[in-house]
Protein backbone atom coordinates (compact mmCIF):
# COMPACT_ATOMS: atom_id res chain seq x y z
CA MET A 1 123.05 107.05 85.68
CA SER A 2 120.64 109.29 87.58
CA ALA A 3 118.02 107.95 89.99
CA ARG A 4 115.35 109.00 87.50
CA ALA A 5 117.02 107.05 84.70
CA ARG A 6 117.47 103.99 86.93
CA ALA A 7 113.77 104.19 87.85
CA GLN A 8 112.87 104.32 84.16
CA SER A 9 115.00 101.23 83.56
CA LEU A 10 113.30 99.35 86.39
CA LEU A 11 109.86 100.36 85.10
CA ALA A 12 110.80 99.05 81.65
CA GLU A 13 111.81 95.72 83.21
CA LEU A 14 108.49 95.48 85.03
CA ALA A 15 106.59 96.26 81.83
CA ALA A 16 108.55 93.60 79.94
CA ARG A 17 107.42 91.03 82.52
CA ASP A 18 103.81 92.28 82.40
CA VAL A 19 103.86 93.20 86.08
CA ARG A 20 103.98 97.00 85.94
CA ARG A 21 100.98 98.37 87.79
CA SER A 22 98.79 101.36 87.06
CA ILE A 23 95.93 102.95 89.00
CA ARG A 24 92.60 102.75 87.23
CA THR A 25 89.84 105.06 88.33
CA ALA A 26 86.43 103.42 88.45
CA ARG A 27 84.63 103.88 85.17
CA PRO A 28 80.93 104.85 85.13
CA GLY A 29 78.68 102.10 83.86
CA PHE A 30 81.09 99.25 84.61
CA ILE A 31 79.99 96.38 86.83
CA ASP A 32 82.53 96.01 89.62
CA PHE A 33 83.62 92.47 90.44
CA ALA A 34 86.75 93.50 92.34
CA SER A 35 85.51 95.26 95.50
CA ASN A 36 85.71 93.50 98.88
CA ASP A 37 82.57 95.30 100.07
CA TYR A 38 80.89 91.90 100.38
CA LEU A 39 77.60 93.08 101.88
CA GLY A 40 77.40 96.42 100.09
CA LEU A 41 77.47 98.31 103.40
CA SER A 42 79.61 101.17 102.10
CA ARG A 43 76.49 102.47 100.35
CA LEU A 44 74.06 101.85 103.21
CA PRO A 45 72.29 105.11 104.20
CA GLU A 46 72.70 104.43 107.94
CA VAL A 47 76.44 103.93 107.54
CA ARG A 48 76.88 107.11 105.50
CA ALA A 49 74.73 109.12 107.89
CA ALA A 50 76.72 107.94 110.93
CA MET A 51 79.84 109.67 109.62
CA ARG A 52 78.32 113.06 110.41
CA ALA A 53 77.65 112.36 114.09
CA PRO A 54 81.12 112.93 115.67
CA GLY A 55 81.27 116.57 114.55
CA VAL A 56 84.96 116.40 113.57
CA VAL A 57 86.83 115.09 110.53
CA GLY A 58 90.32 114.11 111.62
CA SER A 59 91.43 112.65 114.96
CA GLY A 60 94.31 115.08 115.37
CA GLY A 61 96.93 112.67 116.67
CA SER A 62 97.72 109.22 117.97
CA ARG A 63 95.42 107.61 120.54
CA LEU A 64 98.09 108.07 123.22
CA LEU A 65 98.21 111.83 122.58
CA SER A 66 95.24 113.88 121.40
CA GLY A 67 93.67 111.35 119.04
CA ALA A 68 91.49 109.40 121.47
CA HIS A 69 87.75 109.83 120.84
CA PRO A 70 84.71 108.20 122.49
CA GLU A 71 83.83 106.61 119.14
CA HIS A 72 87.08 104.62 119.23
CA ALA A 73 86.40 103.13 122.65
CA ALA A 74 82.76 102.37 121.82
CA LEU A 75 83.72 100.61 118.59
CA GLU A 76 86.41 98.55 120.33
CA GLU A 77 83.94 97.35 122.97
CA GLU A 78 81.40 96.37 120.33
CA LEU A 79 83.98 94.62 118.13
CA ALA A 80 85.33 92.60 121.08
CA ARG A 81 81.83 91.37 121.95
CA PHE A 82 81.10 90.62 118.31
CA VAL A 83 84.14 88.40 117.72
CA ARG A 84 83.93 86.93 121.26
CA ARG A 85 87.25 88.21 122.57
CA GLU A 86 88.05 90.06 125.80
CA ARG A 87 89.26 93.27 124.19
CA ALA A 88 89.94 94.87 120.83
CA LEU A 89 92.28 97.64 119.69
CA LEU A 90 91.75 99.81 116.63
CA PHE A 91 94.39 100.59 114.01
CA SER A 92 94.10 102.92 111.04
CA SER A 93 94.31 99.95 108.62
CA GLY A 94 94.26 96.18 108.64
CA TYR A 95 97.82 96.25 107.31
CA LEU A 96 99.02 98.20 110.34
CA ALA A 97 97.04 95.91 112.65
CA ALA A 98 98.95 92.92 111.28
CA LEU A 99 102.30 94.67 111.67
CA GLY A 100 101.37 95.70 115.20
CA ILE A 101 100.30 92.34 116.58
CA LEU A 102 103.18 90.41 115.04
CA GLN A 103 105.81 92.86 116.27
CA ALA A 104 104.27 93.05 119.74
CA ALA A 105 103.78 89.27 120.05
CA ALA A 106 107.32 88.39 118.92
CA PRO A 107 108.77 88.38 122.48
CA LEU A 108 106.16 85.76 123.41
CA ALA A 109 107.61 83.19 120.99
CA VAL A 110 110.92 81.71 119.91
CA ALA A 111 109.88 80.91 116.33
CA ALA A 112 107.17 81.84 113.82
CA TYR A 113 105.25 79.64 111.37
CA SER A 114 103.32 81.20 108.50
CA ASP A 115 101.14 79.81 105.70
CA GLU A 116 102.74 80.32 102.29
CA ARG A 117 99.63 82.13 101.02
CA ASN A 118 99.33 84.64 103.84
CA HIS A 119 98.81 88.31 102.97
CA ALA A 120 101.75 90.65 102.40
CA SER A 121 101.02 92.44 105.68
CA ILE A 122 101.73 89.21 107.55
CA ILE A 123 104.88 88.57 105.53
CA ASP A 124 106.16 92.07 106.26
CA GLY A 125 105.16 91.87 109.91
CA LEU A 126 107.01 88.61 110.44
CA ARG A 127 110.12 90.00 108.78
CA LEU A 128 110.10 92.83 111.32
CA THR A 129 109.99 90.40 114.24
CA LYS A 130 113.47 88.97 113.56
CA LEU A 131 112.11 85.59 114.74
CA PRO A 132 113.27 82.44 112.94
CA ARG A 133 110.50 81.86 110.38
CA THR A 134 109.15 78.75 108.70
CA ILE A 135 106.87 79.20 105.69
CA TYR A 136 104.76 76.08 105.56
CA ALA A 137 102.87 74.56 102.63
CA HIS A 138 99.38 75.99 102.23
CA GLY A 139 97.07 74.65 104.92
CA LYS A 140 99.70 72.28 106.34
CA PRO A 141 101.39 73.73 109.42
CA PRO A 142 104.11 71.54 110.92
CA ALA A 143 102.99 69.31 113.76
CA ARG A 144 103.64 70.46 117.31
CA SER A 145 106.37 67.82 117.62
CA GLU A 146 108.19 69.45 114.70
CA ARG A 147 107.95 73.04 115.99
CA PHE A 148 109.97 75.07 118.44
CA ALA A 149 107.96 76.25 121.41
CA PRO A 150 106.50 78.62 122.28
CA ALA A 151 105.46 79.16 118.67
CA LEU A 152 103.76 82.04 116.87
CA ILE A 153 101.53 80.52 114.19
CA VAL A 154 99.88 82.81 111.65
CA THR A 155 97.19 82.05 109.10
CA GLU A 156 94.34 83.67 107.28
CA SER A 157 90.97 82.07 108.00
CA VAL A 158 89.70 82.78 104.47
CA PHE A 159 92.54 83.33 102.03
CA GLY A 160 92.12 86.54 100.08
CA MET A 161 93.31 85.32 96.68
CA SER A 162 91.55 81.96 96.59
CA GLY A 163 88.62 82.04 99.02
CA ALA A 164 89.94 78.80 100.56
CA ARG A 165 89.32 78.30 104.27
CA ALA A 166 91.91 77.28 106.84
CA ASP A 167 91.24 74.35 109.16
CA LEU A 168 91.19 76.39 112.34
CA ALA A 169 89.90 73.46 114.39
CA GLY A 170 92.90 71.43 113.25
CA HIS A 171 95.28 74.30 114.00
CA LEU A 172 93.83 74.66 117.48
CA ALA A 173 93.87 70.92 118.22
CA ASP A 174 97.64 70.86 117.67
CA LEU A 175 98.37 74.13 119.46
CA GLY A 176 100.73 73.93 122.41
CA PRO A 177 99.74 75.44 125.77
CA ASP A 178 102.22 78.30 125.35
CA ASP A 179 101.69 78.85 121.60
CA LEU A 180 99.82 81.76 120.04
CA LEU A 181 97.62 81.42 116.95
CA VAL A 182 97.12 84.68 115.05
CA VAL A 183 94.19 84.48 112.64
CA ASP A 184 93.62 87.07 109.92
CA GLU A 185 89.83 87.25 109.57
CA ALA A 186 89.83 90.04 106.96
CA HIS A 187 87.82 88.08 104.40
CA ALA A 188 85.70 86.11 106.89
CA LEU A 189 84.16 88.87 108.98
CA GLY A 190 80.66 89.67 107.84
CA VAL A 191 80.48 86.62 105.60
CA TYR A 192 81.20 83.55 107.75
CA GLY A 193 80.29 82.48 111.28
CA ALA A 194 77.21 83.14 113.39
CA ALA A 195 75.87 86.62 112.51
CA GLY A 196 78.95 87.11 110.35
CA ALA A 197 81.30 87.16 113.36
CA GLY A 198 83.99 85.23 111.52
CA ILE A 199 85.30 81.69 111.71
CA ALA A 200 87.47 82.16 114.81
CA SER A 201 84.51 83.39 116.86
CA ALA A 202 83.43 79.75 117.23
CA PHE A 203 86.52 78.98 119.35
CA ASP A 204 86.63 80.20 122.95
CA ASP A 205 90.38 80.02 123.46
CA ASP A 206 92.64 82.84 124.66
CA ARG A 207 95.53 81.47 122.59
CA ILE A 208 93.76 82.84 119.50
CA VAL A 209 94.32 86.46 118.48
CA ILE A 210 92.24 87.91 115.66
CA ILE A 211 93.28 90.44 113.04
CA GLY A 212 90.26 92.15 111.53
CA THR A 213 89.62 94.83 108.97
CA LEU A 214 86.85 97.38 108.63
CA SER A 215 87.56 97.95 104.94
CA LYS A 216 85.90 94.87 103.49
CA ALA A 217 82.50 93.59 104.65
CA PHE A 218 82.17 96.60 106.98
CA GLY A 219 82.42 98.88 103.95
CA CYS A 220 84.51 101.42 105.89
CA ALA A 221 88.24 101.65 106.66
CA GLY A 222 90.64 100.69 109.43
CA GLY A 223 91.59 97.51 111.22
CA PHE A 224 91.71 95.96 114.67
CA VAL A 225 93.26 93.26 116.79
CA ALA A 226 91.13 91.31 119.26
CA GLY A 227 92.28 88.90 121.94
CA ALA A 228 93.08 88.46 125.61
CA SER A 229 93.28 91.65 127.68
CA GLU A 230 96.97 91.22 128.36
CA ILE A 231 97.73 90.93 124.63
CA ILE A 232 95.86 94.16 123.94
CA GLU A 233 97.67 95.92 126.80
CA LEU A 234 100.97 94.76 125.30
CA LEU A 235 99.95 96.22 121.93
CA ILE A 236 99.11 99.59 123.47
CA SER A 237 102.58 99.85 125.01
CA THR A 238 104.76 98.24 122.32
CA ALA A 239 103.09 98.13 118.86
CA ARG A 240 104.83 100.83 116.85
CA SER A 241 102.07 100.92 114.21
CA PHE A 242 99.67 101.90 117.01
CA ILE A 243 101.85 104.18 119.14
CA PHE A 244 103.20 106.35 116.34
CA ASP A 245 100.23 106.38 113.95
CA THR A 246 97.48 108.99 113.82
CA SER A 247 94.34 107.29 115.01
CA LEU A 248 91.37 106.37 112.87
CA PRO A 249 89.20 109.41 112.01
CA PRO A 250 86.20 109.45 114.40
CA PRO A 251 83.67 109.67 111.52
CA ILE A 252 85.03 106.38 110.17
CA ALA A 253 84.76 104.77 113.61
CA ALA A 254 81.15 105.97 113.87
CA ALA A 255 80.37 104.61 110.41
CA ALA A 256 81.97 101.27 111.35
CA ARG A 257 79.72 101.05 114.42
CA ALA A 258 76.68 101.53 112.19
CA ALA A 259 78.05 98.95 109.77
CA LEU A 260 78.62 96.50 112.62
CA ARG A 261 74.97 96.76 113.63
CA ALA A 262 73.86 96.14 110.05
CA LEU A 263 76.37 93.34 109.61
CA ALA A 264 75.34 91.53 112.80
CA GLN A 265 71.71 91.60 111.61
CA GLY A 266 72.64 90.89 108.01
CA ASP A 267 71.45 87.32 107.50
CA ALA A 268 69.32 88.45 104.55
CA LEU A 269 72.38 90.06 102.97
CA ARG A 270 74.44 86.90 103.49
CA THR A 271 71.63 84.84 101.98
CA ALA A 272 71.61 87.09 98.91
CA LEU A 273 75.40 86.87 98.66
CA ASN A 274 75.33 83.07 98.85
CA ALA A 275 72.67 82.95 96.12
CA HIS A 276 74.96 85.00 93.86
CA VAL A 277 77.86 82.69 94.71
CA MET A 278 75.90 79.64 93.61
CA ARG A 279 74.61 81.35 90.45
CA LEU A 280 78.14 82.26 89.36
CA HIS A 281 79.58 78.89 90.34
CA ASP A 282 76.91 76.99 88.44
CA GLY A 283 77.40 79.22 85.40
CA LEU A 284 81.17 78.79 85.44
CA CYS A 285 80.76 75.01 85.60
CA THR A 286 78.89 75.13 82.29
CA LEU A 287 81.78 77.05 80.68
CA ASP A 288 84.23 74.24 81.56
CA ARG A 289 87.21 76.58 81.16
CA PHE A 290 88.39 77.11 84.70
CA SER A 291 89.35 74.88 87.61
CA LEU A 292 86.89 75.77 90.38
CA ALA A 293 87.20 75.33 94.12
CA ALA A 294 84.28 75.15 96.54
CA PRO A 295 81.75 77.97 96.03
CA ALA A 296 82.80 81.17 97.83
CA PRO A 297 82.43 84.94 97.36
CA ILE A 298 86.06 85.03 96.15
CA VAL A 299 86.35 83.21 92.82
CA PRO A 300 89.86 82.86 91.38
CA LEU A 301 90.01 82.28 87.63
CA ILE A 302 93.58 81.06 87.21
CA VAL A 303 94.82 81.50 83.64
CA GLY A 304 98.61 81.15 83.98
CA GLU A 305 100.91 83.87 82.69
CA ALA A 306 100.53 87.55 83.47
CA ARG A 307 99.88 88.53 79.86
CA GLU A 308 97.02 86.00 79.66
CA ALA A 309 95.39 87.44 82.77
CA LEU A 310 95.75 90.97 81.38
CA ALA A 311 94.18 89.88 78.10
CA LEU A 312 91.20 88.30 79.86
CA ALA A 313 90.70 91.41 82.00
CA GLU A 314 90.68 93.57 78.85
CA ALA A 315 88.22 91.20 77.16
CA LEU A 316 85.83 91.62 80.09
CA ALA A 317 86.35 95.37 80.10
CA ALA A 318 85.07 95.43 76.53
CA HIS A 319 81.78 94.20 78.04
CA GLN A 320 81.94 96.82 80.84
CA ILE A 321 83.03 94.30 83.45
CA PHE A 322 85.71 95.46 85.90
CA ALA A 323 87.81 92.50 87.06
CA PRO A 324 91.52 93.40 87.04
CA ALA A 325 94.31 90.90 86.53
CA ILE A 326 96.16 89.61 89.60
CA ARG A 327 99.83 89.03 88.82
CA PRO A 328 103.10 88.25 90.64
CA PRO A 329 104.17 89.01 93.29
CA THR A 330 100.58 88.99 94.57
CA VAL A 331 100.32 85.41 93.29
CA PRO A 332 103.13 82.95 92.42
CA PRO A 333 104.61 82.98 88.89
CA GLY A 334 102.49 80.94 86.50
CA ARG A 335 99.33 81.44 88.57
CA SER A 336 98.15 84.85 87.36
CA GLN A 337 94.39 85.13 87.61
CA LEU A 338 91.28 87.17 87.64
CA ARG A 339 89.96 87.41 91.17
CA LEU A 340 86.19 87.79 90.98
CA VAL A 341 84.46 89.06 94.11
CA LEU A 342 80.73 88.87 94.63
CA ARG A 343 78.66 91.26 96.74
CA ALA A 344 75.19 91.06 98.21
CA ASP A 345 74.15 94.12 96.19
CA HIS A 346 75.02 92.55 92.86
CA THR A 347 71.97 91.51 90.85
CA PRO A 348 71.29 88.24 89.02
CA ALA A 349 71.41 90.22 85.77
CA GLU A 350 74.92 91.41 86.59
CA ILE A 351 76.07 87.87 87.34
CA ASP A 352 74.64 86.75 84.00
CA ALA A 353 76.40 89.63 82.23
CA LEU A 354 79.70 88.46 83.71
CA LEU A 355 79.06 84.90 82.54
CA ARG A 356 78.23 86.07 79.02
CA ALA A 357 81.42 88.14 78.91
CA LEU A 358 83.50 85.18 80.05
CA ALA A 359 81.84 82.92 77.48
CA ALA A 360 82.59 85.45 74.74
CA ALA A 361 86.24 85.93 75.73
CA ARG A 362 88.61 84.13 73.39
CA VAL A 363 91.79 84.39 75.45
């Protein structure tokens, strides 16, 4: 059987299990409840205008060759101050930032411990480390007495599929003196913490290393790692996803700097976002169809099987609501869902339209 025929067979198997994916281009007129652009900064005039300032489009190479640009260094300095860490290092995506820090930090530990609901980038990064790995129950890392030391402990601060928050204070209280706690702040930056600086910014401890992204609340693209100076120096010399990758385009770095200024002064945007969160949460409570967690910008509507999630997504699409189904392996079998995401630039009328569509859905 040819490779093409084998691929067709595998695609048929995926379709039979309702987990074959397809790319859907945004449709005009639809209300988007899937984007992670929490503060709506991707549309902000200052952010769009900043992209023109560098005078180039591409970076031309890796940072260690020809791809270093003043915008990169300026953004790193501002990000480090913002999240209250000594230094920061840019990557061309949050995914590559996760791969980079986990691979580079592996020689500092003898074992790794990872929350079972961590993002795929963390899963893939830990696999590359070759460290012995323990996947612990969600939110319940093993006690220090039950871990090998020094340990590499990895968690999201706000989990991307559920909106649940990790107990970082509890993690830190049980951290050994030689351990390292890597915190993925992708869904916290811009939304949580003082001035939107994330949850980990409240802890002044050099055993914490932050993974951040510029593709969510910043409304741009790229990622970064922030931590102690020595950790960043180690990344520069050993992280393959930094050394061998073409650096972030300077216009994106310039736009991210503009977004950071808006984000740090964005209390009004966060207030608007929180108002939308409460409006949707209160409305969903009246429907009495879904099990709801604490109010958050990420709202998982767990329906069960993949086909049920697909049917609900199509029912909403009939009302011009874009909220795609989330299916395995993104979520565990039997926990397929719609993952609703709220943004500051949504309107109350759009929230109400979503609630009406959910009330009308008979799936």
